[in-house]
Every structure is written in C-alpha cells, then in structure tokens.
Amino acid sequence: MNNAMNTVHHPYLGMWVTTDGHVRQELLPNGRYDEARGNRRSAYTGSYNVTGNHIDYVDDTHFTADGEFRNGVLYHGGMIFYREEKNKIIPFYD
C-alpha cells in the first residue's frame, strides 16, 4: 500500500487519539499516516498497511512498528488510541 495511487478501504480510517490528546494519529485513505505529538504537527509520517485487525507502519525514515485494533481501540507503541468522535473537539496542544 505504499503507492499513493492505491486507495485504502477499511473501517479504521480517520483520526485516532490518546485520552489526553497528546498523540494524534490520522490514518489516511491513500495508505499514509500523519502523527502529531504535543505541539509537533506531523512529528511522524509514513505508510501503513492493515491486515485484518493488525496494522504495520513504516515511517519516512524506514523505522517500522505495528499495532492491533481490538474492540474499537488501537494499541500501538505502548499507547492506547481511541477514535476521535466527530462531534467532539480534541485540542491541539501548543
């Protein structure tokens, strides 16, 4: 899914956020992700691939990581992410 011409279709697209809002990770439909940390927008960017409930990441520096979706929650890198609610605004910390 590293080709920008590919379009990803799965239920996990969108914004995933830690409970404190410090880490925000957006899974984009072109197979890319954009992760903000604290006041660092786009702190990590790269590609991802979802197989079943497993996600593999390769960031733009070629660092790899993975995670798992369980019961609507994303477990990745020792963190727990929840889908951002569409009607709830989670602040971006400056």
C-alpha atoms as a PDB file:
ATOM      1  CA  MET A   1       0.000   0.000   0.000  1.00  0.00           C
ATOM      2  CA  ASN A   2       2.984   2.300  -0.319  1.00  0.00           C
ATOM      3  CA  ASN A   3       1.859   3.540  -3.720  1.00  0.00           C
ATOM      4  CA  ALA A   4      -0.006   6.833  -3.411  1.00  0.00           C
ATOM      5  CA  MET A   5      -2.244   5.719  -6.291  1.00  0.00           C
ATOM      6  CA  ASN A   6      -3.727   2.975  -4.071  1.00  0.00           C
ATOM      7  CA  THR A   7      -6.768   3.836  -2.018  1.00  0.00           C
ATOM      8  CA  VAL A   8      -7.263   2.008   1.257  1.00  0.00           C
ATOM      9  CA  HIS A   9     -10.762   0.946   2.283  1.00  0.00           C
ATOM     10  CA  HIS A  10     -11.194  -0.275   5.847  1.00  0.00           C
ATOM     11  CA  PRO A  11     -13.145   0.736   8.951  1.00  0.00           C
ATOM     12  CA  TYR A  12     -10.063   2.129  10.707  1.00  0.00           C
ATOM     13  CA  LEU A  13      -9.568   5.242   8.549  1.00  0.00           C
ATOM     14  CA  GLY A  14      -9.620   8.554  10.370  1.00  0.00           C
ATOM     15  CA  MET A  15      -8.196  10.149  13.485  1.00  0.00           C
ATOM     16  CA  TRP A  16      -7.039   8.123  16.488  1.00  0.00           C
ATOM     17  CA  VAL A  17      -6.172   9.949  19.710  1.00  0.00           C
ATOM     18  CA  THR A  18      -4.758   9.121  23.149  1.00  0.00           C
ATOM     19  CA  THR A  19      -7.067  10.006  26.052  1.00  0.00           C
ATOM     20  CA  ASP A  20      -5.004  13.079  26.931  1.00  0.00           C
ATOM     21  CA  GLY A  21      -4.982  14.276  23.297  1.00  0.00           C
ATOM     22  CA  HIS A  22      -1.171  14.421  23.311  1.00  0.00           C
ATOM     23  CA  VAL A  23      -0.734  11.932  20.451  1.00  0.00           C
ATOM     24  CA  ARG A  24      -2.982  12.153  17.395  1.00  0.00           C
ATOM     25  CA  GLN A  25      -2.604   9.735  14.524  1.00  0.00           C
ATOM     26  CA  GLU A  26      -4.571  10.078  11.312  1.00  0.00           C
ATOM     27  CA  LEU A  27      -4.878   7.068   9.019  1.00  0.00           C
ATOM     28  CA  LEU A  28      -5.400   8.458   5.540  1.00  0.00           C
ATOM     29  CA  PRO A  29      -7.155   6.634   2.661  1.00  0.00           C
ATOM     30  CA  ASN A  30      -4.012   6.776   0.485  1.00  0.00           C
ATOM     31  CA  GLY A  31      -2.146   4.364   2.805  1.00  0.00           C
ATOM     32  CA  ARG A  32      -0.286   7.151   4.620  1.00  0.00           C
ATOM     33  CA  TYR A  33      -0.445   8.260   8.237  1.00  0.00           C
ATOM     34  CA  ASP A  34       0.346  11.540   9.943  1.00  0.00           C
ATOM     35  CA  GLU A  35       1.068  11.581  13.667  1.00  0.00           C
ATOM     36  CA  ALA A  36       1.227  14.679  15.849  1.00  0.00           C
ATOM     37  CA  ARG A  37       2.776  14.666  19.323  1.00  0.00           C
ATOM     38  CA  GLY A  38       2.109  17.531  21.677  1.00  0.00           C
ATOM     39  CA  ASN A  39       2.850  20.698  19.743  1.00  0.00           C
ATOM     40  CA  ARG A  40       4.751  18.863  16.983  1.00  0.00           C
ATOM     41  CA  ARG A  41       2.461  18.563  13.982  1.00  0.00           C
ATOM     42  CA  SER A  42       3.486  15.778  11.589  1.00  0.00           C
ATOM     43  CA  ALA A  43       6.049  14.528  14.107  1.00  0.00           C
ATOM     44  CA  TYR A  44       5.943  11.156  12.357  1.00  0.00           C
ATOM     45  CA  THR A  45       4.688  10.410   8.867  1.00  0.00           C
ATOM     46  CA  GLY A  46       4.837   7.334   6.730  1.00  0.00           C
ATOM     47  CA  SER A  47       2.857   4.490   5.242  1.00  0.00           C
ATOM     48  CA  TYR A  48       0.757   1.799   6.821  1.00  0.00           C
ATOM     49  CA  ASN A  49      -0.918  -1.458   5.867  1.00  0.00           C
ATOM     50  CA  VAL A  50      -3.887  -3.052   7.627  1.00  0.00           C
ATOM     51  CA  THR A  51      -4.430  -6.808   7.509  1.00  0.00           C
ATOM     52  CA  GLY A  52      -7.464  -7.897   9.484  1.00  0.00           C
ATOM     53  CA  ASN A  53      -7.077  -6.167  12.846  1.00  0.00           C
ATOM     54  CA  HIS A  54      -3.262  -5.786  12.565  1.00  0.00           C
ATOM     55  CA  ILE A  55      -1.543  -2.596  11.366  1.00  0.00           C
ATOM     56  CA  ASP A  56       2.059  -2.306  10.183  1.00  0.00           C
ATOM     57  CA  TYR A  57       3.754   1.086   9.958  1.00  0.00           C
ATOM     58  CA  VAL A  58       6.847   2.204   8.051  1.00  0.00           C
ATOM     59  CA  ASP A  59       7.733   5.811   8.764  1.00  0.00           C
ATOM     60  CA  ASP A  60       9.527   8.023   6.284  1.00  0.00           C
ATOM     61  CA  THR A  61      12.887   7.253   7.947  1.00  0.00           C
ATOM     62  CA  HIS A  62      12.173   3.500   7.444  1.00  0.00           C
ATOM     63  CA  PHE A  63      11.517   2.814  11.140  1.00  0.00           C
ATOM     64  CA  THR A  64       8.907   0.073  11.491  1.00  0.00           C
ATOM     65  CA  ALA A  65       6.241  -0.501  14.116  1.00  0.00           C
ATOM     66  CA  ASP A  66       2.952  -2.294  14.415  1.00  0.00           C
ATOM     67  CA  GLY A  67      -0.284  -2.295  16.342  1.00  0.00           C
ATOM     68  CA  GLU A  68      -3.576  -4.035  16.808  1.00  0.00           C
ATOM     69  CA  PHE A  69      -7.194  -2.956  16.745  1.00  0.00           C
ATOM     70  CA  ARG A  70      -9.316  -4.621  19.443  1.00  0.00           C
ATOM     71  CA  ASN A  71     -12.926  -3.723  20.212  1.00  0.00           C
ATOM     72  CA  GLY A  72     -12.660  -0.316  18.539  1.00  0.00           C
ATOM     73  CA  VAL A  73      -9.389   0.578  20.272  1.00  0.00           C
ATOM     74  CA  LEU A  74      -5.917   0.860  18.684  1.00  0.00           C
ATOM     75  CA  TYR A  75      -2.979  -0.498  20.698  1.00  0.00           C
ATOM     76  CA  HIS A  76       0.294   0.784  19.258  1.00  0.00           C
ATOM     77  CA  GLY A  77       3.744   1.520  20.669  1.00  0.00           C
ATOM     78  CA  GLY A  78       2.676   1.058  24.286  1.00  0.00           C
ATOM     79  CA  MET A  79      -0.110   3.605  23.808  1.00  0.00           C
ATOM     80  CA  ILE A  80      -3.871   3.250  23.611  1.00  0.00           C
ATOM     81  CA  PHE A  81      -5.729   5.218  20.941  1.00  0.00           C
ATOM     82  CA  TYR A  82      -9.435   5.877  20.627  1.00  0.00           C
ATOM     83  CA  ARG A  83     -11.234   7.012  17.520  1.00  0.00           C
ATOM     84  CA  GLU A  84     -11.843  10.748  17.616  1.00  0.00           C
ATOM     85  CA  GLU A  85     -15.530  11.465  17.958  1.00  0.00           C
ATOM     86  CA  LYS A  86     -16.819  13.501  15.026  1.00  0.00           C
ATOM     87  CA  ASN A  87     -18.720  15.968  17.208  1.00  0.00           C
ATOM     88  CA  LYS A  88     -16.074  16.255  19.921  1.00  0.00           C
ATOM     89  CA  ILE A  89     -13.189  18.672  19.517  1.00  0.00           C
ATOM     90  CA  ILE A  90      -9.919  17.451  20.972  1.00  0.00           C
ATOM     91  CA  PRO A  91      -7.496  20.354  21.420  1.00  0.00           C
ATOM     92  CA  PHE A  92      -4.154  20.513  19.689  1.00  0.00           C
ATOM     93  CA  TYR A  93      -1.634  21.421  22.382  1.00  0.00           C
ATOM     94  CA  ASP A  94       0.623  24.382  21.590  1.00  0.00           C
END
